[in-house]
C-alpha atoms as a PDB file:
ATOM      1  CA  MET A   1     -12.700  -7.679  13.605  1.00  0.00           C
ATOM      2  CA  ASN A   2     -14.419  -5.121  12.420  1.00  0.00           C
ATOM      3  CA  LYS A   3     -17.119  -3.393  13.861  1.00  0.00           C
ATOM      4  CA  GLU A   4     -18.409  -2.340  10.787  1.00  0.00           C
ATOM      5  CA  TYR A   5     -18.038  -5.591   8.736  1.00  0.00           C
ATOM      6  CA  GLU A   6     -21.620  -7.053   8.072  1.00  0.00           C
ATOM      7  CA  PRO A   7     -21.221 -10.178   5.335  1.00  0.00           C
ATOM      8  CA  ASP A   8     -23.246 -10.469   3.322  1.00  0.00           C
ATOM      9  CA  TRP A   9     -24.307 -14.485   3.701  1.00  0.00           C
ATOM     10  CA  ASP A  10     -27.115 -14.459   0.788  1.00  0.00           C
ATOM     11  CA  GLN A  11     -23.994 -14.032  -1.815  1.00  0.00           C
ATOM     12  CA  PRO A  12     -22.274 -16.459  -2.819  1.00  0.00           C
ATOM     13  CA  SER A  13     -18.175 -17.049  -2.079  1.00  0.00           C
ATOM     14  CA  LEU A  14     -16.361 -15.890  -4.522  1.00  0.00           C
ATOM     15  CA  GLN A  15     -13.734 -17.850  -3.683  1.00  0.00           C
ATOM     16  CA  SER A  16     -14.220 -21.003  -5.021  1.00  0.00           C
ATOM     17  CA  HIS A  17     -14.121 -19.045  -8.420  1.00  0.00           C
ATOM     18  CA  MET A  18     -11.503 -17.198  -8.190  1.00  0.00           C
ATOM     19  CA  PRO A  19      -8.606 -18.999 -10.763  1.00  0.00           C
ATOM     20  CA  ALA A  20      -5.029 -19.301  -9.996  1.00  0.00           C
ATOM     21  CA  VAL A  21      -3.679 -16.651 -11.346  1.00  0.00           C
ATOM     22  CA  GLU A  22      -5.834 -13.171 -10.892  1.00  0.00           C
ATOM     23  CA  PRO A  23      -7.237 -10.985 -14.257  1.00  0.00           C
ATOM     24  CA  LYS A  24      -5.219  -7.802 -15.012  1.00  0.00           C
ATOM     25  CA  ALA A  25      -8.918  -5.939 -14.517  1.00  0.00           C
ATOM     26  CA  ALA A  26     -11.047  -8.241 -11.613  1.00  0.00           C
ATOM     27  CA  PRO A  27     -15.439  -7.210 -13.214  1.00  0.00           C
ATOM     28  CA  SER A  28     -16.954  -4.643 -11.275  1.00  0.00           C
ATOM     29  CA  GLY A  29     -17.592  -5.264  -8.081  1.00  0.00           C
ATOM     30  CA  ALA A  30     -15.706  -7.914  -7.654  1.00  0.00           C
ATOM     31  CA  LYS A  31     -14.146  -7.326  -3.449  1.00  0.00           C
ATOM     32  CA  GLN A  32     -11.698  -9.710  -1.468  1.00  0.00           C
ATOM     33  CA  ILE A  33     -11.033  -9.222   2.546  1.00  0.00           C
ATOM     34  CA  VAL A  34      -7.888  -8.665   3.202  1.00  0.00           C
ATOM     35  CA  THR A  35      -5.672  -7.387   6.405  1.00  0.00           C
ATOM     36  CA  ILE A  36      -4.296  -4.357   5.863  1.00  0.00           C
ATOM     37  CA  ARG A  37      -1.933  -2.640   8.813  1.00  0.00           C
ATOM     38  CA  LEU A  38      -2.942   1.222   8.287  1.00  0.00           C
ATOM     39  CA  ASP A  39      -1.345   4.279  10.396  1.00  0.00           C
ATOM     40  CA  VAL A  40      -3.769   5.141  13.309  1.00  0.00           C
ATOM     41  CA  ASP A  41      -4.247   8.817  12.625  1.00  0.00           C
ATOM     42  CA  MET A  42      -5.010   8.004   8.857  1.00  0.00           C
ATOM     43  CA  LEU A  43      -7.749   5.574   9.359  1.00  0.00           C
ATOM     44  CA  ASP A  44      -9.132   7.968  12.081  1.00  0.00           C
ATOM     45  CA  TRP A  45      -9.051  10.284   9.034  1.00  0.00           C
ATOM     46  CA  PHE A  46     -10.506   8.399   7.167  1.00  0.00           C
ATOM     47  CA  LYS A  47     -13.364   7.011   9.524  1.00  0.00           C
ATOM     48  CA  ALA A  48     -14.183  10.483  10.815  1.00  0.00           C
ATOM     49  CA  ALA A  49     -15.504  11.641   8.322  1.00  0.00           C
ATOM     50  CA  GLY A  50     -18.665   8.790   8.811  1.00  0.00           C
ATOM     51  CA  PRO A  51     -19.761   5.321   7.377  1.00  0.00           C
ATOM     52  CA  GLY A  52     -18.179   4.031   4.438  1.00  0.00           C
ATOM     53  CA  TYR A  53     -14.086   4.268   5.384  1.00  0.00           C
ATOM     54  CA  GLN A  54     -13.526   1.581   3.752  1.00  0.00           C
ATOM     55  CA  THR A  55     -14.715   2.225   0.313  1.00  0.00           C
ATOM     56  CA  ARG A  56     -13.250   5.583   0.989  1.00  0.00           C
ATOM     57  CA  ILE A  57      -9.389   4.009   0.588  1.00  0.00           C
ATOM     58  CA  ASN A  58     -10.864   1.655  -1.398  1.00  0.00           C
ATOM     59  CA  GLN A  59     -11.355   4.591  -4.110  1.00  0.00           C
ATOM     60  CA  VAL A  60      -7.861   6.294  -2.661  1.00  0.00           C
ATOM     61  CA  LEU A  61      -6.237   3.584  -3.751  1.00  0.00           C
ATOM     62  CA  ARG A  62      -7.833   3.024  -7.218  1.00  0.00           C
ATOM     63  CA  GLU A  63      -7.329   6.167  -8.266  1.00  0.00           C
ATOM     64  CA  HIS A  64      -3.106   5.841  -7.763  1.00  0.00           C
ATOM     65  CA  MET A  65      -3.470   2.864  -9.341  1.00  0.00           C
ATOM     66  CA  ASP A  66      -5.170   4.745 -12.502  1.00  0.00           C
ATOM     67  CA  ALA A  67      -2.667   6.632 -12.389  1.00  0.00           C
ATOM     68  CA  GLN A  68       0.286   4.809 -12.163  1.00  0.00           C
ATOM     69  CA  ARG A  69      -1.465   2.209 -14.515  1.00  0.00           C
ATOM     70  CA  ALA A  70      -1.472   5.595 -16.702  1.00  0.00           C
ATOM     71  CA  LEU A  71       2.164   6.720 -16.299  1.00  0.00           C
ATOM     72  CA  GLU A  72       3.750   3.240 -17.625  1.00  0.00           C
ATOM     73  CA  VAL A  73       1.052   3.052 -20.841  1.00  0.00           C
ATOM     74  CA  ASP A  74       2.276   6.604 -21.542  1.00  0.00           C
ATOM     75  CA  GLY A  75       5.673   5.641 -20.607  1.00  0.00           C
ATOM     76  CA  ASN A  76       5.943   2.436 -22.722  1.00  0.00           C
END
């Protein structure tokens, strides 16, 4: 298990309230635990910047998603 993972036991589970079909834009702050395989050197690079590497990875992926969505809107 990830050493930095600290569960929020006080928070209600979102999974029981998730619809069968996910909305296009999830509510701000909604998170889902997933398993993802990343290249070791890339993960080491994110971790080297200190705590919060998962948040930084999420931000990079979000920026890429937003850029791709903008291209889709401009292209249609």
